[in-house]
Amino acid sequence: MHLPTIVRDQSGATTAEYAVCTGAGVGFAGLLFKLLTGDTGQRLVSTVFDRIVGMLPF
């Protein structure tokens, strides 16, 4: 007995995957921007920068 194979067209699958990844990237960038432009983000960046400069040998 041979069962028929159902083949589905996936011509738009790649476009949908790109759209989902682009949306996730934009959302993450917005969240990162909001975090780093706030007071807490500014202090975090300043602290990290000061520690990196403090580790330099000169």
PDB file of N, CA and C in Angstrom:
ATOM      1  N   MET A   1       0.844  -1.167   0.000  1.00  0.00           N
ATOM      2  CA  MET A   1       0.000   0.000   0.000  1.00  0.00           C
ATOM      3  C   MET A   1       0.897   1.240   0.000  1.00  0.00           C
ATOM      4  N   HIS A   2       0.608   2.175  -0.852  1.00  0.00           N
ATOM      5  CA  HIS A   2       1.406   3.392  -0.979  1.00  0.00           C
ATOM      6  C   HIS A   2       0.542   4.593  -0.614  1.00  0.00           C
ATOM      7  N   LEU A   3       0.961   5.328   0.413  1.00  0.00           N
ATOM      8  CA  LEU A   3       0.220   6.522   0.817  1.00  0.00           C
ATOM      9  C   LEU A   3       0.736   7.730   0.052  1.00  0.00           C
ATOM     10  N   PRO A   4      -0.131   8.606  -0.374  1.00  0.00           N
ATOM     11  CA  PRO A   4       0.321   9.796  -1.099  1.00  0.00           C
ATOM     12  C   PRO A   4       1.057  10.758  -0.171  1.00  0.00           C
ATOM     13  N   THR A   5       2.073  11.370  -0.698  1.00  0.00           N
ATOM     14  CA  THR A   5       2.860  12.339   0.057  1.00  0.00           C
ATOM     15  C   THR A   5       2.296  13.733  -0.197  1.00  0.00           C
ATOM     16  N   ILE A   6       2.046  14.443   0.865  1.00  0.00           N
ATOM     17  CA  ILE A   6       1.533  15.807   0.735  1.00  0.00           C
ATOM     18  C   ILE A   6       2.722  16.756   0.736  1.00  0.00           C
ATOM     19  N   VAL A   7       2.857  17.500  -0.314  1.00  0.00           N
ATOM     20  CA  VAL A   7       3.948  18.462  -0.448  1.00  0.00           C
ATOM     21  C   VAL A   7       3.351  19.857  -0.356  1.00  0.00           C
ATOM     22  N   ARG A   8       3.874  20.639   0.542  1.00  0.00           N
ATOM     23  CA  ARG A   8       3.376  22.007   0.711  1.00  0.00           C
ATOM     24  C   ARG A   8       4.375  22.996   0.144  1.00  0.00           C
ATOM     25  N   ASP A   9       3.855  24.031  -0.437  1.00  0.00           N
ATOM     26  CA  ASP A   9       4.695  25.084  -0.996  1.00  0.00           C
ATOM     27  C   ASP A   9       5.242  25.941   0.141  1.00  0.00           C
ATOM     28  N   GLN A  10       6.556  26.095   0.213  1.00  0.00           N
ATOM     29  CA  GLN A  10       7.183  26.892   1.260  1.00  0.00           C
ATOM     30  C   GLN A  10       7.898  28.094   0.677  1.00  0.00           C
ATOM     31  N   SER A  11       7.375  28.626  -0.407  1.00  0.00           N
ATOM     32  CA  SER A  11       8.054  29.737  -1.078  1.00  0.00           C
ATOM     33  C   SER A  11       8.096  31.004  -0.229  1.00  0.00           C
ATOM     34  N   GLY A  12       7.157  31.198   0.679  1.00  0.00           N
ATOM     35  CA  GLY A  12       7.164  32.394   1.520  1.00  0.00           C
ATOM     36  C   GLY A  12       7.757  32.171   2.894  1.00  0.00           C
ATOM     37  N   ALA A  13       8.231  30.960   3.182  1.00  0.00           N
ATOM     38  CA  ALA A  13       8.744  30.652   4.516  1.00  0.00           C
ATOM     39  C   ALA A  13       9.982  31.468   4.849  1.00  0.00           C
ATOM     40  N   THR A  14      10.872  31.626   3.907  1.00  0.00           N
ATOM     41  CA  THR A  14      12.102  32.375   4.161  1.00  0.00           C
ATOM     42  C   THR A  14      11.795  33.834   4.446  1.00  0.00           C
ATOM     43  N   THR A  15      10.879  34.403   3.694  1.00  0.00           N
ATOM     44  CA  THR A  15      10.498  35.800   3.908  1.00  0.00           C
ATOM     45  C   THR A  15       9.894  35.986   5.294  1.00  0.00           C
ATOM     46  N   ALA A  16       9.058  35.060   5.719  1.00  0.00           N
ATOM     47  CA  ALA A  16       8.450  35.150   7.044  1.00  0.00           C
ATOM     48  C   ALA A  16       9.507  35.030   8.135  1.00  0.00           C
ATOM     49  N   GLU A  17      10.490  34.164   7.944  1.00  0.00           N
ATOM     50  CA  GLU A  17      11.558  34.012   8.938  1.00  0.00           C
ATOM     51  C   GLU A  17      12.391  35.287   9.039  1.00  0.00           C
ATOM     52  N   TYR A  18      12.682  35.895   7.894  1.00  0.00           N
ATOM     53  CA  TYR A  18      13.413  37.163   7.916  1.00  0.00           C
ATOM     54  C   TYR A  18      12.605  38.242   8.624  1.00  0.00           C
ATOM     55  N   ALA A  19      11.310  38.261   8.400  1.00  0.00           N
ATOM     56  CA  ALA A  19      10.454  39.263   9.035  1.00  0.00           C
ATOM     57  C   ALA A  19      10.444  39.090  10.554  1.00  0.00           C
ATOM     58  N   VAL A  20      10.372  37.861  11.016  1.00  0.00           N
ATOM     59  CA  VAL A  20      10.377  37.597  12.460  1.00  0.00           C
ATOM     60  C   VAL A  20      11.718  37.997  13.068  1.00  0.00           C
ATOM     61  N   CYS A  21      12.813  37.638  12.420  1.00  0.00           N
ATOM     62  CA  CYS A  21      14.148  37.989  12.931  1.00  0.00           C
ATOM     63  C   CYS A  21      14.368  39.495  12.917  1.00  0.00           C
ATOM     64  N   THR A  22      13.893  40.166  11.875  1.00  0.00           N
ATOM     65  CA  THR A  22      14.031  41.620  11.810  1.00  0.00           C
ATOM     66  C   THR A  22      13.226  42.283  12.918  1.00  0.00           C
ATOM     67  N   GLY A  23      12.014  41.806  13.140  1.00  0.00           N
ATOM     68  CA  GLY A  23      11.187  42.349  14.217  1.00  0.00           C
ATOM     69  C   GLY A  23      11.824  42.142  15.581  1.00  0.00           C
ATOM     70  N   ALA A  24      12.401  40.969  15.806  1.00  0.00           N
ATOM     71  CA  ALA A  24      13.069  40.694  17.082  1.00  0.00           C
ATOM     72  C   ALA A  24      14.295  41.583  17.250  1.00  0.00           C
ATOM     73  N   GLY A  25      15.044  41.787  16.173  1.00  0.00           N
ATOM     74  CA  GLY A  25      16.228  42.654  16.234  1.00  0.00           C
ATOM     75  C   GLY A  25      15.866  44.093  16.538  1.00  0.00           C
ATOM     76  N   VAL A  26      14.800  44.585  15.907  1.00  0.00           N
ATOM     77  CA  VAL A  26      14.356  45.961  16.157  1.00  0.00           C
ATOM     78  C   VAL A  26      13.869  46.108  17.596  1.00  0.00           C
ATOM     79  N   GLY A  27      13.147  45.122  18.089  1.00  0.00           N
ATOM     80  CA  GLY A  27      12.677  45.168  19.472  1.00  0.00           C
ATOM     81  C   GLY A  27      13.830  45.164  20.461  1.00  0.00           C
ATOM     82  N   PHE A  28      14.828  44.321  20.213  1.00  0.00           N
ATOM     83  CA  PHE A  28      15.995  44.262  21.092  1.00  0.00           C
ATOM     84  C   PHE A  28      16.777  45.569  21.045  1.00  0.00           C
ATOM     85  N   ALA A  29      16.922  46.147  19.857  1.00  0.00           N
ATOM     86  CA  ALA A  29      17.634  47.423  19.725  1.00  0.00           C
ATOM     87  C   ALA A  29      16.900  48.531  20.473  1.00  0.00           C
ATOM     88  N   GLY A  30      15.579  48.542  20.393  1.00  0.00           N
ATOM     89  CA  GLY A  30      14.795  49.537  21.122  1.00  0.00           C
ATOM     90  C   GLY A  30      14.944  49.387  22.624  1.00  0.00           C
ATOM     91  N   LEU A  31      14.927  48.156  23.101  1.00  0.00           N
ATOM     92  CA  LEU A  31      15.104  47.898  24.529  1.00  0.00           C
ATOM     93  C   LEU A  31      16.490  48.323  24.995  1.00  0.00           C
ATOM     94  N   LEU A  32      17.503  48.004  24.209  1.00  0.00           N
ATOM     95  CA  LEU A  32      18.874  48.384  24.544  1.00  0.00           C
ATOM     96  C   LEU A  32      19.036  49.899  24.546  1.00  0.00           C
ATOM     97  N   PHE A  33      18.446  50.564  23.564  1.00  0.00           N
ATOM     98  CA  PHE A  33      18.506  52.026  23.498  1.00  0.00           C
ATOM     99  C   PHE A  33      17.847  52.648  24.726  1.00  0.00           C
ATOM    100  N   LYS A  34      16.684  52.141  25.096  1.00  0.00           N
ATOM    101  CA  LYS A  34      15.962  52.666  26.261  1.00  0.00           C
ATOM    102  C   LYS A  34      16.774  52.450  27.536  1.00  0.00           C
ATOM    103  N   LEU A  35      17.399  51.290  27.656  1.00  0.00           N
ATOM    104  CA  LEU A  35      18.201  50.978  28.834  1.00  0.00           C
ATOM    105  C   LEU A  35      19.418  51.889  28.929  1.00  0.00           C
ATOM    106  N   LEU A  36      20.127  52.062  27.820  1.00  0.00           N
ATOM    107  CA  LEU A  36      21.385  52.806  27.860  1.00  0.00           C
ATOM    108  C   LEU A  36      21.203  54.317  27.889  1.00  0.00           C
ATOM    109  N   THR A  37      20.044  54.825  27.512  1.00  0.00           N
ATOM    110  CA  THR A  37      19.835  56.271  27.555  1.00  0.00           C
ATOM    111  C   THR A  37      19.228  56.725  28.874  1.00  0.00           C
ATOM    112  N   GLY A  38      18.838  55.813  29.723  1.00  0.00           N
ATOM    113  CA  GLY A  38      18.315  56.170  31.035  1.00  0.00           C
ATOM    114  C   GLY A  38      19.447  56.412  32.023  1.00  0.00           C
ATOM    115  N   ASP A  39      19.089  56.867  33.215  1.00  0.00           N
ATOM    116  CA  ASP A  39      20.089  57.154  34.248  1.00  0.00           C
ATOM    117  C   ASP A  39      20.873  55.905  34.649  1.00  0.00           C
ATOM    118  N   THR A  40      20.179  54.805  34.824  1.00  0.00           N
ATOM    119  CA  THR A  40      20.847  53.563  35.213  1.00  0.00           C
ATOM    120  C   THR A  40      21.812  53.110  34.129  1.00  0.00           C
ATOM    121  N   GLY A  41      21.401  53.214  32.886  1.00  0.00           N
ATOM    122  CA  GLY A  41      22.268  52.827  31.780  1.00  0.00           C
ATOM    123  C   GLY A  41      23.498  53.705  31.681  1.00  0.00           C
ATOM    124  N   GLN A  42      23.325  54.997  31.905  1.00  0.00           N
ATOM    125  CA  GLN A  42      24.467  55.913  31.859  1.00  0.00           C
ATOM    126  C   GLN A  42      25.472  55.573  32.957  1.00  0.00           C
ATOM    127  N   ARG A  43      24.964  55.272  34.146  1.00  0.00           N
ATOM    128  CA  ARG A  43      25.858  54.888  35.245  1.00  0.00           C
ATOM    129  C   ARG A  43      26.562  53.574  34.949  1.00  0.00           C
ATOM    130  N   LEU A  44      25.843  52.636  34.347  1.00  0.00           N
ATOM    131  CA  LEU A  44      26.432  51.346  33.999  1.00  0.00           C
ATOM    132  C   LEU A  44      27.556  51.519  32.984  1.00  0.00           C
ATOM    133  N   VAL A  45      27.303  52.281  31.936  1.00  0.00           N
ATOM    134  CA  VAL A  45      28.319  52.516  30.911  1.00  0.00           C
ATOM    135  C   VAL A  45      29.515  53.244  31.510  1.00  0.00           C
ATOM    136  N   SER A  46      29.255  54.226  32.351  1.00  0.00           N
ATOM    137  CA  SER A  46      30.333  54.985  32.985  1.00  0.00           C
ATOM    138  C   SER A  46      31.183  54.091  33.887  1.00  0.00           C
ATOM    139  N   THR A  47      30.539  53.234  34.662  1.00  0.00           N
ATOM    140  CA  THR A  47      31.259  52.328  35.553  1.00  0.00           C
ATOM    141  C   THR A  47      32.116  51.342  34.760  1.00  0.00           C
ATOM    142  N   VAL A  48      31.546  50.767  33.718  1.00  0.00           N
ATOM    143  CA  VAL A  48      32.298  49.816  32.892  1.00  0.00           C
ATOM    144  C   VAL A  48      33.488  50.510  32.246  1.00  0.00           C
ATOM    145  N   PHE A  49      33.275  51.700  31.711  1.00  0.00           N
ATOM    146  CA  PHE A  49      34.350  52.448  31.064  1.00  0.00           C
ATOM    147  C   PHE A  49      35.454  52.785  32.070  1.00  0.00           C
ATOM    148  N   ASP A  50      35.082  53.234  33.260  1.00  0.00           N
ATOM    149  CA  ASP A  50      36.073  53.565  34.287  1.00  0.00           C
ATOM    150  C   ASP A  50      36.891  52.336  34.694  1.00  0.00           C
ATOM    151  N   ARG A  51      36.244  51.187  34.802  1.00  0.00           N
ATOM    152  CA  ARG A  51      36.967  49.967  35.168  1.00  0.00           C
ATOM    153  C   ARG A  51      37.921  49.532  34.067  1.00  0.00           C
ATOM    154  N   ILE A  52      37.494  49.676  32.820  1.00  0.00           N
ATOM    155  CA  ILE A  52      38.374  49.313  31.703  1.00  0.00           C
ATOM    156  C   ILE A  52      39.584  50.235  31.667  1.00  0.00           C
ATOM    157  N   VAL A  53      39.367  51.533  31.844  1.00  0.00           N
ATOM    158  CA  VAL A  53      40.476  52.491  31.858  1.00  0.00           C
ATOM    159  C   VAL A  53      41.396  52.204  33.043  1.00  0.00           C
ATOM    160  N   GLY A  54      40.837  51.806  34.179  1.00  0.00           N
ATOM    161  CA  GLY A  54      41.633  51.478  35.352  1.00  0.00           C
ATOM    162  C   GLY A  54      42.502  50.245  35.163  1.00  0.00           C
ATOM    163  N   MET A  55      42.128  49.366  34.259  1.00  0.00           N
ATOM    164  CA  MET A  55      42.905  48.153  34.011  1.00  0.00           C
ATOM    165  C   MET A  55      44.053  48.385  33.035  1.00  0.00           C
ATOM    166  N   LEU A  56      44.068  49.505  32.358  1.00  0.00           N
ATOM    167  CA  LEU A  56      45.137  49.790  31.398  1.00  0.00           C
ATOM    168  C   LEU A  56      46.451  50.041  32.132  1.00  0.00           C
ATOM    169  N   PRO A  57      47.562  49.601  31.576  1.00  0.00           N
ATOM    170  CA  PRO A  57      48.840  49.695  32.282  1.00  0.00           C
ATOM    171  C   PRO A  57      49.484  51.075  32.239  1.00  0.00           C
ATOM    172  N   PHE A  58      48.888  52.057  31.642  1.00  0.00           N
ATOM    173  CA  PHE A  58      49.523  53.378  31.578  1.00  0.00           C
ATOM    174  C   PHE A  58      48.659  54.436  32.188  1.00  0.00           C
TER     175      PHE A  58
END
